Amino acid sequence: MGGLFSPNQGFGIIWLKMWPANQPDWGGNSDLRERILVIDDDDKIISMLRRALAFEGYSVTTASNGQEGLRSILEQTPQLVILDVMMPYVDGWEVCRRIREGGGEMPIMMLTAKDEVADRVKGLDMGADDYLVKPFALEELLARVRVLLRRKSEIGDQQTNRLSYDDITMDFDTREVFRDGKLIELTTKEYDLLHLFLQNPKRVLSRDLIMEKIWGYDFSGESNVLEVYIALLRQKLEEHGGKRIIQTVRGAGYVLRGD
């Protein structure tokens, strides 16, 4: 595999060398940061990209091979995948193909030491959104990450006026919620609470985060108000025999999960 950084990168590589390997992720609340999955079999590249992306405020997950990466995508859908091409067992081409065939729409940036036009075309034809040749400048990779995430957000804003997960659909225009085609009558706070969960499926949301997002920093009401609203929301969602979809994660918070 080629080197990670170009010779003219300057400060970026010095900054990474100075950062201790056990430096914790920065960037605010990890529950709501944009999630990036890095799949590469080179431990040095994994380590450097994890630290650089975390410093920029992203929540970073890593996988050392294609099979592990595909499992990670199923467990917690990332908002961007950075994918090495040359890996044993399941290479980057196959990972990209399986992501797209499985309906994954997140941006995919492919990394490779190959600079042939045919290889770049192959990656894009497989469904990749960007293709970066090693060695590359860290600043360029971070800029491309920002562009891909911004483009995804803009396209989402233009194309959809609803959110769906499992058999639940929320329509923003009418502020109506349906489960298995049946209308669910919700209060304003119940609607806002469900909206937060639908924006973050399969992600454990802490009690403090939910309180901050739904009731705000200055909320001074009863301490069990969240538990009361969770119970009311569950009751309405399960009224017609629907399975429990808002799960309690003991000691951590709540998660919208269908299994």
Protein backbone atom coordinates (compact mmCIF):
# COMPACT_ATOMS: atom_id res chain seq x y z
CA MET A 1 0.00 0.00 0.00
CA GLY A 2 1.15 3.55 -0.68
CA GLY A 3 1.86 6.17 1.94
CA LEU A 4 -0.90 8.18 3.47
CA PHE A 5 0.35 11.73 3.08
CA SER A 6 1.86 13.73 0.25
CA PRO A 7 5.29 15.34 0.77
CA ASN A 8 3.92 18.89 0.69
CA GLN A 9 1.32 18.34 3.36
CA GLY A 10 3.22 20.25 6.02
CA PHE A 11 1.61 20.79 9.40
CA GLY A 12 -1.01 18.05 9.12
CA ILE A 13 1.37 15.12 9.56
CA ILE A 14 3.27 16.88 12.37
CA TRP A 15 -0.01 17.51 14.17
CA LEU A 16 -0.97 13.84 13.96
CA LYS A 17 2.39 12.66 15.27
CA MET A 18 2.07 14.98 18.27
CA TRP A 19 -1.41 13.69 19.16
CA PRO A 20 -1.20 10.84 21.74
CA ALA A 21 -2.63 7.55 20.52
CA ASN A 22 -5.05 7.38 23.44
CA GLN A 23 -6.45 10.89 22.89
CA PRO A 24 -10.24 10.70 23.37
CA ASP A 25 -12.60 11.70 20.56
CA TRP A 26 -13.39 15.41 20.53
CA GLY A 27 -16.30 17.18 18.89
CA GLY A 28 -19.16 17.50 21.34
CA ASN A 29 -21.91 15.01 22.01
CA SER A 30 -21.10 11.69 20.33
CA ASP A 31 -24.78 10.81 19.97
CA LEU A 32 -25.46 13.41 17.28
CA ARG A 33 -22.12 13.74 15.50
CA GLU A 34 -21.96 12.65 11.87
CA ARG A 35 -20.82 9.04 11.73
CA ILE A 36 -17.96 7.94 9.47
CA LEU A 37 -16.84 4.34 8.93
CA VAL A 38 -13.24 3.78 7.83
CA ILE A 39 -12.51 0.35 6.30
CA ASP A 40 -8.81 -0.36 5.71
CA ASP A 41 -6.44 -3.23 6.51
CA ASP A 42 -3.51 -0.88 7.26
CA ASP A 43 -3.39 -0.18 11.00
CA LYS A 44 -1.38 3.03 10.54
CA ILE A 45 -3.91 4.49 8.14
CA ILE A 46 -6.79 3.45 10.41
CA SER A 47 -5.12 5.13 13.40
CA MET A 48 -4.27 8.35 11.58
CA LEU A 49 -7.69 8.77 9.98
CA ARG A 50 -9.49 7.98 13.23
CA ARG A 51 -7.61 10.72 15.07
CA ALA A 52 -7.85 13.28 12.27
CA LEU A 53 -11.59 12.76 11.71
CA ALA A 54 -12.35 12.74 15.44
CA PHE A 55 -10.47 16.01 15.82
CA GLU A 56 -12.75 17.47 13.12
CA GLY A 57 -15.78 16.51 15.22
CA TYR A 58 -16.91 13.28 13.56
CA SER A 59 -17.88 10.05 15.30
CA VAL A 60 -15.50 7.46 13.82
CA THR A 61 -15.87 3.69 13.59
CA THR A 62 -13.18 1.51 11.99
CA ALA A 63 -12.98 -1.94 10.43
CA SER A 64 -9.83 -3.81 9.39
CA ASN A 65 -11.37 -5.81 6.53
CA GLY A 66 -14.36 -5.87 4.21
CA GLN A 67 -16.35 -8.47 6.12
CA GLU A 68 -16.00 -6.56 9.37
CA GLY A 69 -16.96 -3.35 7.58
CA LEU A 70 -20.15 -4.84 6.16
CA ARG A 71 -21.16 -6.10 9.61
CA SER A 72 -20.53 -2.65 11.06
CA ILE A 73 -22.79 -1.05 8.44
CA LEU A 74 -25.62 -3.42 9.37
CA GLU A 75 -25.23 -2.69 13.08
CA GLN A 76 -25.11 1.11 12.84
CA THR A 77 -25.55 2.80 9.49
CA PRO A 78 -22.78 5.38 8.91
CA GLN A 79 -23.34 8.64 7.06
CA LEU A 80 -20.10 8.23 5.09
CA VAL A 81 -17.81 5.29 4.29
CA ILE A 82 -14.10 5.69 3.56
CA LEU A 83 -13.13 2.44 1.86
CA ASP A 84 -9.75 1.01 0.87
CA VAL A 85 -9.74 -0.96 -2.38
CA MET A 86 -6.94 -3.51 -1.85
CA MET A 87 -7.97 -5.72 1.08
CA PRO A 88 -7.86 -9.52 1.56
CA TYR A 89 -10.96 -11.76 1.47
CA VAL A 90 -13.51 -9.10 0.52
CA ASP A 91 -11.94 -6.20 -1.39
CA GLY A 92 -13.22 -2.64 -1.63
CA TRP A 93 -14.90 -3.18 -5.00
CA GLU A 94 -17.03 -5.99 -3.55
CA VAL A 95 -17.83 -4.05 -0.37
CA CYS A 96 -19.01 -1.09 -2.46
CA ARG A 97 -21.12 -3.35 -4.67
CA ARG A 98 -22.79 -5.05 -1.69
CA ILE A 99 -23.54 -1.71 -0.02
CA ARG A 100 -25.31 -0.43 -3.12
CA GLU A 101 -27.11 -3.70 -3.85
CA GLY A 102 -28.33 -3.73 -0.24
CA GLY A 103 -29.86 -0.28 -0.67
CA GLY A 104 -27.16 1.71 1.13
CA GLU A 105 -27.24 5.32 -0.06
CA MET A 106 -24.50 6.85 2.10
CA PRO A 107 -21.57 8.50 0.24
CA ILE A 108 -18.58 6.20 -0.36
CA MET A 109 -15.03 7.51 -0.79
CA MET A 110 -12.60 4.91 -2.13
CA LEU A 111 -8.87 4.99 -1.33
CA THR A 112 -6.31 3.22 -3.49
CA ALA A 113 -2.67 3.24 -4.54
CA LYS A 114 -3.77 2.60 -8.13
CA ASP A 115 -3.79 5.70 -10.31
CA GLU A 116 -5.09 4.13 -13.51
CA VAL A 117 -8.10 5.79 -15.13
CA ALA A 118 -9.74 2.37 -15.57
CA ASP A 119 -9.59 1.75 -11.81
CA ARG A 120 -11.14 5.11 -11.02
CA VAL A 121 -13.91 4.50 -13.54
CA LYS A 122 -14.51 1.04 -12.07
CA GLY A 123 -14.93 2.49 -8.59
CA LEU A 124 -17.37 5.15 -9.74
CA ASP A 125 -19.32 2.59 -11.79
CA MET A 126 -19.57 0.38 -8.70
CA GLY A 127 -21.37 3.23 -6.93
CA ALA A 128 -18.55 5.14 -5.25
CA ASP A 129 -19.05 8.90 -4.93
CA ASP A 130 -15.38 9.87 -4.78
CA TYR A 131 -12.00 8.28 -5.46
CA LEU A 132 -8.78 9.41 -3.78
CA VAL A 133 -5.36 8.13 -4.85
CA LYS A 134 -2.59 7.49 -2.30
CA PRO A 135 -0.48 9.25 -1.25
CA PHE A 136 -2.80 12.18 -0.57
CA ALA A 137 -2.86 15.31 1.57
CA LEU A 138 -4.89 14.98 4.75
CA GLU A 139 -6.37 18.43 4.14
CA GLU A 140 -7.72 17.25 0.77
CA LEU A 141 -9.35 14.17 2.29
CA LEU A 142 -11.02 16.26 5.01
CA ALA A 143 -12.26 18.75 2.42
CA ARG A 144 -13.75 15.96 0.32
CA VAL A 145 -15.43 14.50 3.40
CA ARG A 146 -17.07 17.87 4.11
CA VAL A 147 -18.27 18.16 0.50
CA LEU A 148 -19.73 14.63 0.43
CA LEU A 149 -21.60 15.10 3.71
CA ARG A 150 -22.87 18.54 2.70
CA ARG A 151 -24.07 17.23 -0.66
CA LYS A 152 -25.87 14.33 1.04
CA SER A 153 -27.61 16.72 3.43
CA GLU A 154 -28.69 19.07 0.63
CA ILE A 155 -30.07 16.23 -1.50
CA GLY A 156 -31.98 14.85 1.49
CA ASP A 157 -33.52 18.25 2.22
CA GLN A 158 -34.67 18.60 -1.39
CA GLN A 159 -36.03 15.09 -1.91
CA THR A 160 -37.94 14.16 1.21
CA ASN A 161 -40.66 15.62 3.39
CA ARG A 162 -40.99 12.53 5.53
CA LEU A 163 -39.07 10.12 7.73
CA SER A 164 -39.64 6.38 7.93
CA TYR A 165 -38.31 3.52 9.99
CA ASP A 166 -39.68 -0.01 10.07
CA ASP A 167 -43.49 0.44 9.74
CA ILE A 168 -43.54 4.03 11.10
CA THR A 169 -43.79 7.04 8.79
CA MET A 170 -43.74 10.71 9.79
CA ASP A 171 -45.02 13.34 7.33
CA PHE A 172 -43.52 16.80 8.00
CA ASP A 173 -46.00 18.70 5.82
CA THR A 174 -49.08 17.44 7.66
CA ARG A 175 -47.35 16.58 10.97
CA GLU A 176 -49.06 13.21 10.80
CA VAL A 177 -47.61 9.90 11.97
CA PHE A 178 -48.63 6.51 10.62
CA ARG A 179 -47.82 3.02 11.83
CA ASP A 180 -48.58 0.20 9.43
CA GLY A 181 -50.85 2.64 7.58
CA LYS A 182 -52.85 3.62 10.66
CA LEU A 183 -52.88 7.26 11.82
CA ILE A 184 -51.36 7.84 15.27
CA GLU A 185 -52.57 10.96 17.09
CA LEU A 186 -49.65 12.58 18.92
CA THR A 187 -49.25 15.71 21.02
CA THR A 188 -46.61 18.26 20.06
CA LYS A 189 -44.04 16.93 22.52
CA GLU A 190 -44.75 13.30 21.57
CA TYR A 191 -44.29 14.22 17.91
CA ASP A 192 -40.99 16.01 18.65
CA LEU A 193 -39.76 13.06 20.68
CA LEU A 194 -40.56 10.54 17.95
CA HIS A 195 -38.99 12.86 15.38
CA LEU A 196 -35.72 12.79 17.33
CA PHE A 197 -35.76 8.99 17.41
CA LEU A 198 -36.56 8.74 13.69
CA GLN A 199 -33.62 11.00 12.91
CA ASN A 200 -31.34 8.66 14.84
CA PRO A 201 -32.49 5.05 14.28
CA LYS A 202 -30.47 2.33 16.05
CA ARG A 203 -28.53 4.98 17.99
CA VAL A 204 -28.71 5.01 21.77
CA LEU A 205 -29.78 8.49 22.89
CA SER A 206 -28.93 9.40 26.46
CA ARG A 207 -31.55 10.82 28.80
CA ASP A 208 -29.63 14.11 29.10
CA LEU A 209 -29.41 14.51 25.34
CA ILE A 210 -33.13 13.91 24.85
CA MET A 211 -34.02 16.34 27.62
CA GLU A 212 -31.78 18.99 26.07
CA LYS A 213 -33.16 18.53 22.54
CA ILE A 214 -36.86 18.32 23.46
CA TRP A 215 -37.18 20.45 26.60
CA GLY A 216 -34.07 22.62 26.45
CA TYR A 217 -31.29 23.50 28.88
CA ASP A 218 -33.53 25.53 31.18
CA PHE A 219 -36.18 22.87 31.75
CA SER A 220 -36.96 22.64 35.44
CA GLY A 221 -39.94 20.31 35.49
CA GLU A 222 -40.41 16.95 37.16
CA SER A 223 -37.44 14.61 36.86
CA ASN A 224 -39.54 11.75 35.45
CA VAL A 225 -41.12 13.77 32.62
CA LEU A 226 -39.13 11.89 29.95
CA GLU A 227 -40.15 8.50 31.31
CA VAL A 228 -43.80 9.62 31.29
CA TYR A 229 -43.61 10.75 27.65
CA ILE A 230 -41.77 7.59 26.58
CA ALA A 231 -44.55 5.51 28.18
CA LEU A 232 -47.27 7.58 26.46
CA LEU A 233 -45.53 7.37 23.10
CA ARG A 234 -45.06 3.61 23.42
CA GLN A 235 -48.71 3.17 24.35
CA LYS A 236 -49.88 5.02 21.23
CA LEU A 237 -47.43 3.29 18.91
CA GLU A 238 -48.35 -0.14 20.26
CA GLU A 239 -52.09 0.50 20.48
CA HIS A 240 -52.97 -1.61 17.42
CA GLY A 241 -50.69 -4.52 18.25
CA GLY A 242 -47.42 -3.05 17.00
CA LYS A 243 -44.22 -4.45 18.46
CA ARG A 244 -42.18 -2.38 20.90
CA ILE A 245 -39.85 -0.21 18.84
CA ILE A 246 -38.56 2.29 21.43
CA GLN A 247 -36.26 0.18 23.56
CA THR A 248 -34.76 0.99 26.96
CA VAL A 249 -30.99 0.51 27.19
CA ARG A 250 -30.34 0.13 30.89
CA GLY A 251 -27.92 2.74 32.21
CA ALA A 252 -27.54 4.38 28.77
CA GLY A 253 -30.84 5.75 27.49
CA TYR A 254 -33.30 4.83 24.75
CA VAL A 255 -33.00 3.56 21.18
CA LEU A 256 -35.37 3.23 18.20
CA ARG A 257 -34.80 -0.35 17.11
CA GLY A 258 -37.15 -2.80 15.47
CA ASP A 259 -35.55 -6.05 16.62
